[in-house]
């Protein structure tokens, strides 16, 4: 026996759409009388009540209290976003105007992290939600120059220059102490043979060089083995590879989230590691990626929705940006703002490469 699908009819889909949009607008449980007032064709309150009961039984709606109206569940929001949302309904002229006026300011940012910070502030200001941006993946960024400086206790300071603007420093540990001239020789070798390549390609070519010229480059290759994996590794797991803004907007969740979850949410923004893991999952998405409530797999975000988009440089995806807000958000406006921000950021990054 086939299971009953309460959303098989266009009428029932329309009723769900009205309920979700009304709840997003007002934040109050929606009753059948309220829905009946918005339905164009004649549908009785009794019919609407029956449909709402079917939708609740199927898991699309829930009743916060016995005598109240209904509100969407995660499943209800998901159907609304995937099947009922019309992005053309809201042109988001306010966001378009803000992006247009803000472009010159973004182009004046010198450091990449400064650019992403300004972009994150812009996105948070437009959506009124907390915004997050992953710094460009080092795997996709070309190396312009590398320098090694000796420190104490078998430590080396590595200075990496990407593209024209970004400089990244990191400290690595080696099995023995290397002299300045040895480190200079290693830096010269990398800069001469690998400048302009991305880090993944450099590591692959270093392995080939080690196999082909082990005799002539014995000492140098010993240094390469000790340093390359650490110095040229992807660093997206580091906390400073995620820029956030507008965390104060998380307080808007106070009405729906209990105090402990709200505290965990602020802690997550402070630590950033969970956010970075989520962004890493979104980077392979084609276009907009949306996590609603418990779909993220992290209980901290059970009362939140995460809307993200990838941003690209020369048609290659290098990072993710997005916003975190309550599940009761205007998805059409947020999706539009996130999408426009990703395109704006990509265009500014490309202009800096010229």
Foldseek 3Di string as FASTA:
>chain_A
DDDDDLVPDPVLVVLLLVQLVVCLVPVFADALVNSCVVDDDHDDSVNSVVSQVVCVVVQQWDDPDDPGHIYGALNVLVCCVPPPDDLVVDPLVVLVVLLVVCLVVLLPDQEQVSSVQVLQASLCVSFVFKKKKFAFWLQPWFWAFWAWDFDPDQKIWIWTDTFDGYIDIDIAHFPDGDDRVLRVVLRVVCNVPRGGHGLVVSVVVLVVCCVPPCPVCVVNNSVCVRPSCPNSPTDLQDQVRMHMDNNVSLVVCPVPDPPVLSVVLVVCNVRVNLVSVLFVVCQPDDAKDKDAACSSVDNSQNQKMWIKGFADAPPHTTIMMTGIDGNSGPVSNRSVSRRVSRDSSRVSVNVSND
